[in-house]
PDB file of N, CA and C in Angstrom:
ATOM      1  N   UNK A   1       0.842  -1.169   0.000  1.00  0.00           N
ATOM      2  CA  UNK A   1       0.000   0.000   0.000  1.00  0.00           C
ATOM      3  C   UNK A   1       0.891   1.238   0.000  1.00  0.00           C
ATOM      4  N   UNK A   2       0.489   2.268  -0.735  1.00  0.00           N
ATOM      5  CA  UNK A   2       1.266   3.498  -0.793  1.00  0.00           C
ATOM      6  C   UNK A   2       0.396   4.699  -0.480  1.00  0.00           C
ATOM      7  N   UNK A   3       1.042   5.748  -0.007  1.00  0.00           N
ATOM      8  CA  UNK A   3       0.401   7.039   0.233  1.00  0.00           C
ATOM      9  C   UNK A   3       1.287   8.069  -0.428  1.00  0.00           C
ATOM     10  N   UNK A   4       0.703   8.890  -1.277  1.00  0.00           N
ATOM     11  CA  UNK A   4       1.481   9.904  -1.999  1.00  0.00           C
ATOM     12  C   UNK A   4       2.699   9.275  -2.678  1.00  0.00           C
ATOM     13  N   UNK A   5       2.502   8.101  -3.277  1.00  0.00           N
ATOM     14  CA  UNK A   5       3.541   7.359  -3.987  1.00  0.00           C
ATOM     15  C   UNK A   5       4.702   6.915  -3.099  1.00  0.00           C
ATOM     16  N   UNK A   6       4.489   6.896  -1.784  1.00  0.00           N
ATOM     17  CA  UNK A   6       5.507   6.416  -0.849  1.00  0.00           C
ATOM     18  C   UNK A   6       4.954   5.176  -0.156  1.00  0.00           C
ATOM     19  N   UNK A   7       5.793   4.163   0.055  1.00  0.00           N
ATOM     20  CA  UNK A   7       5.301   2.969   0.747  1.00  0.00           C
ATOM     21  C   UNK A   7       4.869   3.303   2.173  1.00  0.00           C
ATOM     22  N   UNK A   8       3.749   2.724   2.586  1.00  0.00           N
ATOM     23  CA  UNK A   8       3.259   2.922   3.950  1.00  0.00           C
ATOM     24  C   UNK A   8       4.099   2.071   4.892  1.00  0.00           C
ATOM     25  N   UNK A   9       4.602   2.663   5.973  1.00  0.00           N
ATOM     26  CA  UNK A   9       5.375   1.883   6.937  1.00  0.00           C
ATOM     27  C   UNK A   9       4.537   0.749   7.521  1.00  0.00           C
ATOM     28  N   UNK A  10       5.159  -0.348   7.816  1.00  0.00           N
ATOM     29  CA  UNK A  10       4.479  -1.507   8.398  1.00  0.00           C
ATOM     30  C   UNK A  10       4.691  -1.523   9.911  1.00  0.00           C
ATOM     31  N   UNK A  11       4.150  -0.551  10.589  1.00  0.00           N
ATOM     32  CA  UNK A  11       4.296  -0.446  12.035  1.00  0.00           C
ATOM     33  C   UNK A  11       3.134  -1.181  12.684  1.00  0.00           C
ATOM     34  N   UNK A  12       3.421  -2.263  13.358  1.00  0.00           N
ATOM     35  CA  UNK A  12       2.374  -3.046  14.014  1.00  0.00           C
ATOM     36  C   UNK A  12       2.430  -2.783  15.509  1.00  0.00           C
ATOM     37  N   UNK A  13       1.348  -2.284  16.025  1.00  0.00           N
ATOM     38  CA  UNK A  13       1.248  -1.970  17.440  1.00  0.00           C
ATOM     39  C   UNK A  13      -0.226  -2.035  17.814  1.00  0.00           C
ATOM     40  N   UNK A  14      -0.608  -2.847  18.786  1.00  0.00           N
ATOM     41  CA  UNK A  14      -2.008  -2.903  19.189  1.00  0.00           C
ATOM     42  C   UNK A  14      -2.521  -1.516  19.609  1.00  0.00           C
ATOM     43  N   UNK A  15      -3.732  -1.208  19.192  1.00  0.00           N
ATOM     44  CA  UNK A  15      -4.318   0.087  19.512  1.00  0.00           C
ATOM     45  C   UNK A  15      -5.831  -0.015  19.549  1.00  0.00           C
ATOM     46  N   UNK A  16      -6.422   0.826  20.371  1.00  0.00           N
ATOM     47  CA  UNK A  16      -7.860   1.037  20.409  1.00  0.00           C
ATOM     48  C   UNK A  16      -8.075   2.437  19.873  1.00  0.00           C
ATOM     49  N   UNK A  17      -9.134   2.635  19.103  1.00  0.00           N
ATOM     50  CA  UNK A  17      -9.323   3.932  18.465  1.00  0.00           C
ATOM     51  C   UNK A  17     -10.800   4.276  18.348  1.00  0.00           C
ATOM     52  N   UNK A  18     -11.066   5.572  18.165  1.00  0.00           N
ATOM     53  CA  UNK A  18     -12.422   6.048  17.912  1.00  0.00           C
ATOM     54  C   UNK A  18     -12.391   6.896  16.648  1.00  0.00           C
ATOM     55  N   UNK A  19     -13.295   6.567  15.735  1.00  0.00           N
ATOM     56  CA  UNK A  19     -13.490   7.324  14.503  1.00  0.00           C
ATOM     57  C   UNK A  19     -14.849   8.022  14.600  1.00  0.00           C
ATOM     58  N   UNK A  20     -15.000   9.130  13.864  1.00  0.00           N
ATOM     59  CA  UNK A  20     -16.280   9.820  13.807  1.00  0.00           C
ATOM     60  C   UNK A  20     -16.479  10.405  12.417  1.00  0.00           C
ATOM     61  N   UNK A  21     -17.696  10.882  12.164  1.00  0.00           N
ATOM     62  CA  UNK A  21     -17.976  11.520  10.881  1.00  0.00           C
ATOM     63  C   UNK A  21     -17.911  13.043  10.984  1.00  0.00           C
ATOM     64  N   UNK A  22     -18.001  13.574  12.208  1.00  0.00           N
ATOM     65  CA  UNK A  22     -17.916  15.015  12.447  1.00  0.00           C
ATOM     66  C   UNK A  22     -17.878  15.245  13.953  1.00  0.00           C
ATOM     67  N   UNK A  23     -17.570  16.465  14.356  1.00  0.00           N
ATOM     68  CA  UNK A  23     -17.547  16.782  15.784  1.00  0.00           C
ATOM     69  C   UNK A  23     -18.906  16.459  16.394  1.00  0.00           C
ATOM     70  N   UNK A  24     -18.878  15.727  17.492  1.00  0.00           N
ATOM     71  CA  UNK A  24     -20.081  15.279  18.195  1.00  0.00           C
ATOM     72  C   UNK A  24     -20.988  14.413  17.336  1.00  0.00           C
ATOM     73  N   UNK A  25     -20.426  13.778  16.319  1.00  0.00           N
ATOM     74  CA  UNK A  25     -21.204  12.930  15.415  1.00  0.00           C
ATOM     75  C   UNK A  25     -21.228  11.483  15.872  1.00  0.00           C
ATOM     76  N   UNK A  26     -21.480  10.609  14.926  1.00  0.00           N
ATOM     77  CA  UNK A  26     -21.510   9.168  15.172  1.00  0.00           C
ATOM     78  C   UNK A  26     -20.116   8.692  15.556  1.00  0.00           C
ATOM     79  N   UNK A  27     -20.035   7.825  16.564  1.00  0.00           N
ATOM     80  CA  UNK A  27     -18.755   7.303  17.028  1.00  0.00           C
ATOM     81  C   UNK A  27     -18.623   5.825  16.694  1.00  0.00           C
ATOM     82  N   UNK A  28     -17.426   5.447  16.255  1.00  0.00           N
ATOM     83  CA  UNK A  28     -17.104   4.041  16.015  1.00  0.00           C
ATOM     84  C   UNK A  28     -15.859   3.723  16.818  1.00  0.00           C
ATOM     85  N   UNK A  29     -15.926   2.677  17.638  1.00  0.00           N
ATOM     86  CA  UNK A  29     -14.794   2.241  18.453  1.00  0.00           C
ATOM     87  C   UNK A  29     -14.274   0.928  17.884  1.00  0.00           C
ATOM     88  N   UNK A  30     -12.957   0.847  17.712  1.00  0.00           N
ATOM     89  CA  UNK A  30     -12.368  -0.363  17.163  1.00  0.00           C
ATOM     90  C   UNK A  30     -11.033  -0.688  17.792  1.00  0.00           C
ATOM     91  N   UNK A  31     -10.506  -1.862  17.437  1.00  0.00           N
ATOM     92  CA  UNK A  31      -9.202  -2.320  17.886  1.00  0.00           C
ATOM     93  C   UNK A  31      -8.456  -2.840  16.662  1.00  0.00           C
ATOM     94  N   UNK A  32      -7.148  -2.667  16.649  1.00  0.00           N
ATOM     95  CA  UNK A  32      -6.352  -3.082  15.503  1.00  0.00           C
ATOM     96  C   UNK A  32      -4.911  -3.336  15.935  1.00  0.00           C
ATOM     97  N   UNK A  33      -4.183  -4.061  15.102  1.00  0.00           N
ATOM     98  CA  UNK A  33      -2.756  -4.245  15.340  1.00  0.00           C
ATOM     99  C   UNK A  33      -1.939  -3.291  14.472  1.00  0.00           C
ATOM    100  N   UNK A  34      -2.609  -2.519  13.628  1.00  0.00           N
ATOM    101  CA  UNK A  34      -1.916  -1.626  12.682  1.00  0.00           C
ATOM    102  C   UNK A  34      -2.769  -0.368  12.497  1.00  0.00           C
ATOM    103  N   UNK A  35      -2.641   0.569  13.422  1.00  0.00           N
ATOM    104  CA  UNK A  35      -3.505   1.749  13.435  1.00  0.00           C
ATOM    105  C   UNK A  35      -3.386   2.582  12.164  1.00  0.00           C
ATOM    106  N   UNK A  36      -2.173   2.758  11.665  1.00  0.00           N
ATOM    107  CA  UNK A  36      -1.996   3.569  10.466  1.00  0.00           C
ATOM    108  C   UNK A  36      -2.802   3.000   9.296  1.00  0.00           C
ATOM    109  N   UNK A  37      -2.673   1.705   9.071  1.00  0.00           N
ATOM    110  CA  UNK A  37      -3.390   1.078   7.964  1.00  0.00           C
ATOM    111  C   UNK A  37      -4.891   1.111   8.194  1.00  0.00           C
ATOM    112  N   UNK A  38      -5.315   0.817   9.402  1.00  0.00           N
ATOM    113  CA  UNK A  38      -6.756   0.775   9.697  1.00  0.00           C
ATOM    114  C   UNK A  38      -7.390   2.149   9.532  1.00  0.00           C
ATOM    115  N   UNK A  39      -6.739   3.190  10.032  1.00  0.00           N
ATOM    116  CA  UNK A  39      -7.265   4.550   9.874  1.00  0.00           C
ATOM    117  C   UNK A  39      -7.327   4.936   8.402  1.00  0.00           C
ATOM    118  N   UNK A  40      -6.308   4.539   7.646  1.00  0.00           N
ATOM    119  CA  UNK A  40      -6.289   4.809   6.203  1.00  0.00           C
ATOM    120  C   UNK A  40      -7.461   4.110   5.520  1.00  0.00           C
ATOM    121  N   UNK A  41      -7.698   2.858   5.869  1.00  0.00           N
ATOM    122  CA  UNK A  41      -8.823   2.115   5.287  1.00  0.00           C
ATOM    123  C   UNK A  41     -10.149   2.806   5.588  1.00  0.00           C
ATOM    124  N   UNK A  42     -10.320   3.276   6.818  1.00  0.00           N
ATOM    125  CA  UNK A  42     -11.546   4.008   7.171  1.00  0.00           C
ATOM    126  C   UNK A  42     -11.671   5.273   6.325  1.00  0.00           C
ATOM    127  N   UNK A  43     -10.589   6.018   6.197  1.00  0.00           N
ATOM    128  CA  UNK A  43     -10.643   7.269   5.434  1.00  0.00           C
ATOM    129  C   UNK A  43     -10.982   7.031   3.973  1.00  0.00           C
ATOM    130  N   UNK A  44     -10.504   5.932   3.427  1.00  0.00           N
ATOM    131  CA  UNK A  44     -10.774   5.617   2.025  1.00  0.00           C
ATOM    132  C   UNK A  44     -12.153   4.992   1.827  1.00  0.00           C
ATOM    133  N   UNK A  45     -12.800   4.649   2.926  1.00  0.00           N
ATOM    134  CA  UNK A  45     -14.123   4.038   2.845  1.00  0.00           C
ATOM    135  C   UNK A  45     -14.082   2.582   2.419  1.00  0.00           C
ATOM    136  N   UNK A  46     -12.922   1.939   2.538  1.00  0.00           N
ATOM    137  CA  UNK A  46     -12.795   0.550   2.113  1.00  0.00           C
ATOM    138  C   UNK A  46     -13.204  -0.433   3.206  1.00  0.00           C
ATOM    139  N   UNK A  47     -13.364   0.052   4.428  1.00  0.00           N
ATOM    140  CA  UNK A  47     -13.819  -0.801   5.527  1.00  0.00           C
ATOM    141  C   UNK A  47     -15.338  -0.854   5.477  1.00  0.00           C
ATOM    142  N   UNK A  48     -15.885  -2.021   5.239  1.00  0.00           N
ATOM    143  CA  UNK A  48     -17.340  -2.168   5.151  1.00  0.00           C
ATOM    144  C   UNK A  48     -17.934  -2.321   6.544  1.00  0.00           C
ATOM    145  N   UNK A  49     -19.185  -1.934   6.679  1.00  0.00           N
ATOM    146  CA  UNK A  49     -19.878  -2.091   7.945  1.00  0.00           C
ATOM    147  C   UNK A  49     -20.298  -0.749   8.527  1.00  0.00           C
ATOM    148  N   UNK A  50     -20.440  -0.729   9.839  1.00  0.00           N
ATOM    149  CA  UNK A  50     -20.960   0.435  10.549  1.00  0.00           C
ATOM    150  C   UNK A  50     -20.199   1.717  10.229  1.00  0.00           C
ATOM    151  N   UNK A  51     -18.872   1.679  10.351  1.00  0.00           N
ATOM    152  CA  UNK A  51     -18.066   2.886  10.141  1.00  0.00           C
ATOM    153  C   UNK A  51     -18.224   3.421   8.726  1.00  0.00           C
ATOM    154  N   UNK A  52     -18.278   2.545   7.761  1.00  0.00           N
ATOM    155  CA  UNK A  52     -18.452   2.961   6.363  1.00  0.00           C
ATOM    156  C   UNK A  52     -19.854   3.521   6.132  1.00  0.00           C
ATOM    157  N   UNK A  53     -20.834   2.841   6.665  1.00  0.00           N
ATOM    158  CA  UNK A  53     -22.238   3.256   6.490  1.00  0.00           C
ATOM    159  C   UNK A  53     -22.485   4.655   7.039  1.00  0.00           C
ATOM    160  N   UNK A  54     -21.820   4.993   8.151  1.00  0.00           N
ATOM    161  CA  UNK A  54     -22.021   6.300   8.778  1.00  0.00           C
ATOM    162  C   UNK A  54     -20.885   7.284   8.482  1.00  0.00           C
ATOM    163  N   UNK A  55     -20.030   6.943   7.525  1.00  0.00           N
ATOM    164  CA  UNK A  55     -18.940   7.819   7.062  1.00  0.00           C
ATOM    165  C   UNK A  55     -18.008   8.253   8.200  1.00  0.00           C
ATOM    166  N   UNK A  56     -17.692   7.333   9.088  1.00  0.00           N
ATOM    167  CA  UNK A  56     -16.773   7.609  10.196  1.00  0.00           C
ATOM    168  C   UNK A  56     -15.347   7.528   9.662  1.00  0.00           C
ATOM    169  N   UNK A  57     -14.806   8.668   9.261  1.00  0.00           N
ATOM    170  CA  UNK A  57     -13.503   8.701   8.598  1.00  0.00           C
ATOM    171  C   UNK A  57     -12.475   9.570   9.314  1.00  0.00           C
ATOM    172  N   UNK A  58     -12.850  10.156  10.434  1.00  0.00           N
ATOM    173  CA  UNK A  58     -11.938  11.018  11.192  1.00  0.00           C
ATOM    174  C   UNK A  58     -11.457  10.273  12.439  1.00  0.00           C
ATOM    175  N   UNK A  59     -10.159  10.088  12.551  1.00  0.00           N
ATOM    176  CA  UNK A  59      -9.571   9.479  13.739  1.00  0.00           C
ATOM    177  C   UNK A  59      -9.473  10.563  14.809  1.00  0.00           C
ATOM    178  N   UNK A  60     -10.260  10.438  15.877  1.00  0.00           N
ATOM    179  CA  UNK A  60     -10.297  11.496  16.890  1.00  0.00           C
ATOM    180  C   UNK A  60      -9.712  11.090  18.240  1.00  0.00           C
ATOM    181  N   UNK A  61      -9.433   9.794  18.421  1.00  0.00           N
ATOM    182  CA  UNK A  61      -8.871   9.333  19.699  1.00  0.00           C
ATOM    183  C   UNK A  61      -8.244   7.962  19.490  1.00  0.00           C
ATOM    184  N   UNK A  62      -7.154   7.697  20.231  1.00  0.00           N
ATOM    185  CA  UNK A  62      -6.569   6.360  20.223  1.00  0.00           C
ATOM    186  C   UNK A  62      -5.699   6.163  21.448  1.00  0.00           C
ATOM    187  N   UNK A  63      -5.469   4.892  21.785  1.00  0.00           N
ATOM    188  CA  UNK A  63      -4.529   4.484  22.818  1.00  0.00           C
ATOM    189  C   UNK A  63      -3.708   3.335  22.250  1.00  0.00           C
ATOM    190  N   UNK A  64      -2.420   3.347  22.531  1.00  0.00           N
ATOM    191  CA  UNK A  64      -1.496   2.322  22.066  1.00  0.00           C
ATOM    192  C   UNK A  64      -1.214   1.357  23.216  1.00  0.00           C
ATOM    193  N   UNK A  65      -1.101   0.073  22.898  1.00  0.00           N
ATOM    194  CA  UNK A  65      -0.850  -0.965  23.895  1.00  0.00           C
ATOM    195  C   UNK A  65       0.332  -1.834  23.485  1.00  0.00           C
ATOM    196  N   UNK A  66       0.931  -2.491  24.466  1.00  0.00           N
ATOM    197  CA  UNK A  66       2.012  -3.430  24.196  1.00  0.00           C
ATOM    198  C   UNK A  66       1.463  -4.800  23.800  1.00  0.00           C
ATOM    199  N   UNK A  67       0.314  -5.149  24.357  1.00  0.00           N
ATOM    200  CA  UNK A  67      -0.256  -6.481  24.109  1.00  0.00           C
ATOM    201  C   UNK A  67      -1.658  -6.368  23.532  1.00  0.00           C
ATOM    202  N   UNK A  68      -1.950  -7.188  22.527  1.00  0.00           N
ATOM    203  CA  UNK A  68      -3.269  -7.168  21.901  1.00  0.00           C
ATOM    204  C   UNK A  68      -4.368  -7.520  22.909  1.00  0.00           C
ATOM    205  N   UNK A  69      -4.077  -8.402  23.831  1.00  0.00           N
ATOM    206  CA  UNK A  69      -5.078  -8.783  24.832  1.00  0.00           C
ATOM    207  C   UNK A  69      -5.542  -7.567  25.638  1.00  0.00           C
ATOM    208  N   UNK A  70      -4.614  -6.682  25.973  1.00  0.00           N
ATOM    209  CA  UNK A  70      -4.960  -5.472  26.723  1.00  0.00           C
ATOM    210  C   UNK A  70      -5.787  -4.523  25.864  1.00  0.00           C
ATOM    211  N   UNK A  71      -5.442  -4.407  24.590  1.00  0.00           N
ATOM    212  CA  UNK A  71      -6.191  -3.536  23.682  1.00  0.00           C
ATOM    213  C   UNK A  71      -7.620  -4.050  23.514  1.00  0.00           C
ATOM    214  N   UNK A  72      -7.776  -5.351  23.367  1.00  0.00           N
ATOM    215  CA  UNK A  72      -9.112  -5.938  23.217  1.00  0.00           C
ATOM    216  C   UNK A  72      -9.944  -5.720  24.471  1.00  0.00           C
ATOM    217  N   UNK A  73      -9.336  -5.884  25.630  1.00  0.00           N
ATOM    218  CA  UNK A  73     -10.055  -5.660  26.894  1.00  0.00           C
ATOM    219  C   UNK A  73     -10.511  -4.207  26.999  1.00  0.00           C
ATOM    220  N   UNK A  74      -9.652  -3.275  26.596  1.00  0.00           N
ATOM    221  CA  UNK A  74     -10.008  -1.852  26.642  1.00  0.00           C
ATOM    222  C   UNK A  74     -11.122  -1.544  25.652  1.00  0.00           C
ATOM    223  N   UNK A  75     -11.065  -2.117  24.459  1.00  0.00           N
ATOM    224  CA  UNK A  75     -12.132  -1.900  23.478  1.00  0.00           C
ATOM    225  C   UNK A  75     -13.473  -2.370  24.039  1.00  0.00           C
ATOM    226  N   UNK A  76     -13.482  -3.535  24.646  1.00  0.00           N
ATOM    227  CA  UNK A  76     -14.721  -4.064  25.236  1.00  0.00           C
ATOM    228  C   UNK A  76     -15.237  -3.139  26.328  1.00  0.00           C
ATOM    229  N   UNK A  77     -14.324  -2.619  27.140  1.00  0.00           N
ATOM    230  CA  UNK A  77     -14.710  -1.690  28.204  1.00  0.00           C
ATOM    231  C   UNK A  77     -15.349  -0.440  27.607  1.00  0.00           C
ATOM    232  N   UNK A  78     -14.729   0.106  26.565  1.00  0.00           N
ATOM    233  CA  UNK A  78     -15.271   1.316  25.944  1.00  0.00           C
ATOM    234  C   UNK A  78     -16.616   1.061  25.289  1.00  0.00           C
ATOM    235  N   UNK A  79     -16.740  -0.046  24.588  1.00  0.00           N
ATOM    236  CA  UNK A  79     -18.002  -0.357  23.914  1.00  0.00           C
ATOM    237  C   UNK A  79     -19.127  -0.566  24.915  1.00  0.00           C
ATOM    238  N   UNK A  80     -18.803  -1.072  26.112  1.00  0.00           N
ATOM    239  CA  UNK A  80     -19.818  -1.273  27.145  1.00  0.00           C
ATOM    240  C   UNK A  80     -20.163   0.019  27.867  1.00  0.00           C
ATOM    241  N   UNK A  81     -19.305   1.025  27.726  1.00  0.00           N
ATOM    242  CA  UNK A  81     -19.511   2.301  28.412  1.00  0.00           C
ATOM    243  C   UNK A  81     -20.453   3.224  27.645  1.00  0.00           C
ATOM    244  N   UNK A  82     -20.718   4.336  28.231  1.00  0.00           N
ATOM    245  CA  UNK A  82     -21.653   5.294  27.640  1.00  0.00           C
ATOM    246  C   UNK A  82     -20.978   6.166  26.586  1.00  0.00           C
ATOM    247  N   UNK A  83     -21.791   6.765  25.772  1.00  0.00           N
ATOM    248  CA  UNK A  83     -21.304   7.727  24.781  1.00  0.00           C
ATOM    249  C   UNK A  83     -20.613   8.884  25.499  1.00  0.00           C
ATOM    250  N   UNK A  84     -21.181   9.321  26.618  1.00  0.00           N
ATOM    251  CA  UNK A  84     -20.602  10.443  27.369  1.00  0.00           C
ATOM    252  C   UNK A  84     -19.159  10.152  27.788  1.00  0.00           C
ATOM    253  N   UNK A  85     -18.879   8.916  28.173  1.00  0.00           N
ATOM    254  CA  UNK A  85     -17.508   8.554  28.555  1.00  0.00           C
ATOM    255  C   UNK A  85     -16.567   8.600  27.355  1.00  0.00           C
ATOM    256  N   UNK A  86     -17.048   8.174  26.197  1.00  0.00           N
ATOM    257  CA  UNK A  86     -16.228   8.229  24.984  1.00  0.00           C
ATOM    258  C   UNK A  86     -15.968   9.684  24.583  1.00  0.00           C
ATOM    259  N   UNK A  87     -16.989  10.498  24.664  1.00  0.00           N
ATOM    260  CA  UNK A  87     -16.830  11.919  24.330  1.00  0.00           C
ATOM    261  C   UNK A  87     -15.837  12.572  25.288  1.00  0.00           C
ATOM    262  N   UNK A  88     -15.882  12.220  26.567  1.00  0.00           N
ATOM    263  CA  UNK A  88     -14.930  12.771  27.541  1.00  0.00           C
ATOM    264  C   UNK A  88     -13.498  12.375  27.193  1.00  0.00           C
ATOM    265  N   UNK A  89     -13.279  11.140  26.750  1.00  0.00           N
ATOM    266  CA  UNK A  89     -11.945  10.713  26.323  1.00  0.00           C
ATOM    267  C   UNK A  89     -11.467  11.535  25.129  1.00  0.00           C
ATOM    268  N   UNK A  90     -12.352  11.722  24.159  1.00  0.00           N
ATOM    269  CA  UNK A  90     -11.998  12.508  22.976  1.00  0.00           C
ATOM    270  C   UNK A  90     -11.675  13.942  23.384  1.00  0.00           C
ATOM    271  N   UNK A  91     -12.519  14.529  24.199  1.00  0.00           N
ATOM    272  CA  UNK A  91     -12.323  15.923  24.625  1.00  0.00           C
ATOM    273  C   UNK A  91     -10.994  16.105  25.366  1.00  0.00           C
ATOM    274  N   UNK A  92     -10.611  15.111  26.166  1.00  0.00           N
ATOM    275  CA  UNK A  92      -9.361  15.208  26.925  1.00  0.00           C
ATOM    276  C   UNK A  92      -8.141  15.143  26.013  1.00  0.00           C
ATOM    277  N   UNK A  93      -8.190  14.305  24.995  1.00  0.00           N
ATOM    278  CA  UNK A  93      -7.045  14.130  24.094  1.00  0.00           C
ATOM    279  C   UNK A  93      -7.081  15.109  22.930  1.00  0.00           C
ATOM    280  N   UNK A  94      -8.284  15.450  22.478  1.00  0.00           N
ATOM    281  CA  UNK A  94      -8.454  16.143  21.207  1.00  0.00           C
ATOM    282  C   UNK A  94      -9.672  17.068  21.289  1.00  0.00           C
ATOM    283  N   UNK A  95      -9.584  18.154  22.055  1.00  0.00           N
ATOM    284  CA  UNK A  95     -10.753  18.995  22.314  1.00  0.00           C
ATOM    285  C   UNK A  95     -11.400  19.599  21.067  1.00  0.00           C
ATOM    286  N   UNK A  96     -10.662  19.739  19.990  1.00  0.00           N
ATOM    287  CA  UNK A  96     -11.233  20.296  18.757  1.00  0.00           C
ATOM    288  C   UNK A  96     -11.710  19.223  17.787  1.00  0.00           C
ATOM    289  N   UNK A  97     -11.624  17.970  18.191  1.00  0.00           N
ATOM    290  CA  UNK A  97     -12.055  16.831  17.378  1.00  0.00           C
ATOM    291  C   UNK A  97     -11.359  16.847  16.008  1.00  0.00           C
ATOM    292  N   UNK A  98     -10.074  17.176  16.002  1.00  0.00           N
ATOM    293  CA  UNK A  98      -9.317  17.200  14.751  1.00  0.00           C
ATOM    294  C   UNK A  98      -8.984  15.773  14.334  1.00  0.00           C
ATOM    295  N   UNK A  99      -8.789  15.563  13.043  1.00  0.00           N
ATOM    296  CA  UNK A  99      -8.386  14.263  12.530  1.00  0.00           C
ATOM    297  C   UNK A  99      -6.927  14.023  12.920  1.00  0.00           C
ATOM    298  N   UNK A 100      -6.665  12.994  13.697  1.00  0.00           N
ATOM    299  CA  UNK A 100      -5.323  12.701  14.206  1.00  0.00           C
ATOM    300  C   UNK A 100      -4.513  11.809  13.268  1.00  0.00           C
ATOM    301  N   UNK A 101      -5.049  11.507  12.121  1.00  0.00           N
ATOM    302  CA  UNK A 101      -4.381  10.619  11.172  1.00  0.00           C
ATOM    303  C   UNK A 101      -2.971  11.095  10.839  1.00  0.00           C
ATOM    304  N   UNK A 102      -2.800  12.371  10.555  1.00  0.00           N
ATOM    305  CA  UNK A 102      -1.475  12.910  10.194  1.00  0.00           C
ATOM    306  C   UNK A 102      -0.479  12.758  11.349  1.00  0.00           C
ATOM    307  N   UNK A 103      -0.990  12.755  12.574  1.00  0.00           N
ATOM    308  CA  UNK A 103      -0.151  12.605  13.759  1.00  0.00           C
ATOM    309  C   UNK A 103       0.534  11.233  13.803  1.00  0.00           C
ATOM    310  N   UNK A 104      -0.001  10.292  13.071  1.00  0.00           N
ATOM    311  CA  UNK A 104       0.547   8.946  13.090  1.00  0.00           C
ATOM    312  C   UNK A 104       1.883   8.835  12.393  1.00  0.00           C
ATOM    313  N   UNK A 105       2.303   9.902  11.682  1.00  0.00           N
ATOM    314  CA  UNK A 105       3.680   9.999  11.278  1.00  0.00           C
ATOM    315  C   UNK A 105       4.117   9.649   9.876  1.00  0.00           C
ATOM    316  N   UNK A 106       3.245   9.579   8.904  1.00  0.00           N
ATOM    317  CA  UNK A 106       3.738   9.247   7.577  1.00  0.00           C
ATOM    318  C   UNK A 106       3.190  10.139   6.478  1.00  0.00           C
ATOM    319  N   UNK A 107       2.661  11.290   6.789  1.00  0.00           N
ATOM    320  CA  UNK A 107       2.172  12.210   5.742  1.00  0.00           C
ATOM    321  C   UNK A 107       3.187  13.296   5.498  1.00  0.00           C
TER     322      UNK A 107
END
């Protein structure tokens, strides 16, 4: 996979993330072993399902983990929690709900 004709780095690191379609919009919570690739797939609309259906293409929050088991446990915790708790996490990390994709380091 390439971005701007440059190969995408293959950085594998477990992560939990939240995507949205706009500030205070629909939220999608996910887990992945490759956040850069997964966020790119969401932005391109190639990920089918809920996130694609609701155009959740902005990466607004994430946490990095050493072990996939910990990331999965955190994702389950977030999905079981309220929307208000997810919004509070986003507000603490990213009060303007900016797309954090560029922050991932390869643009």
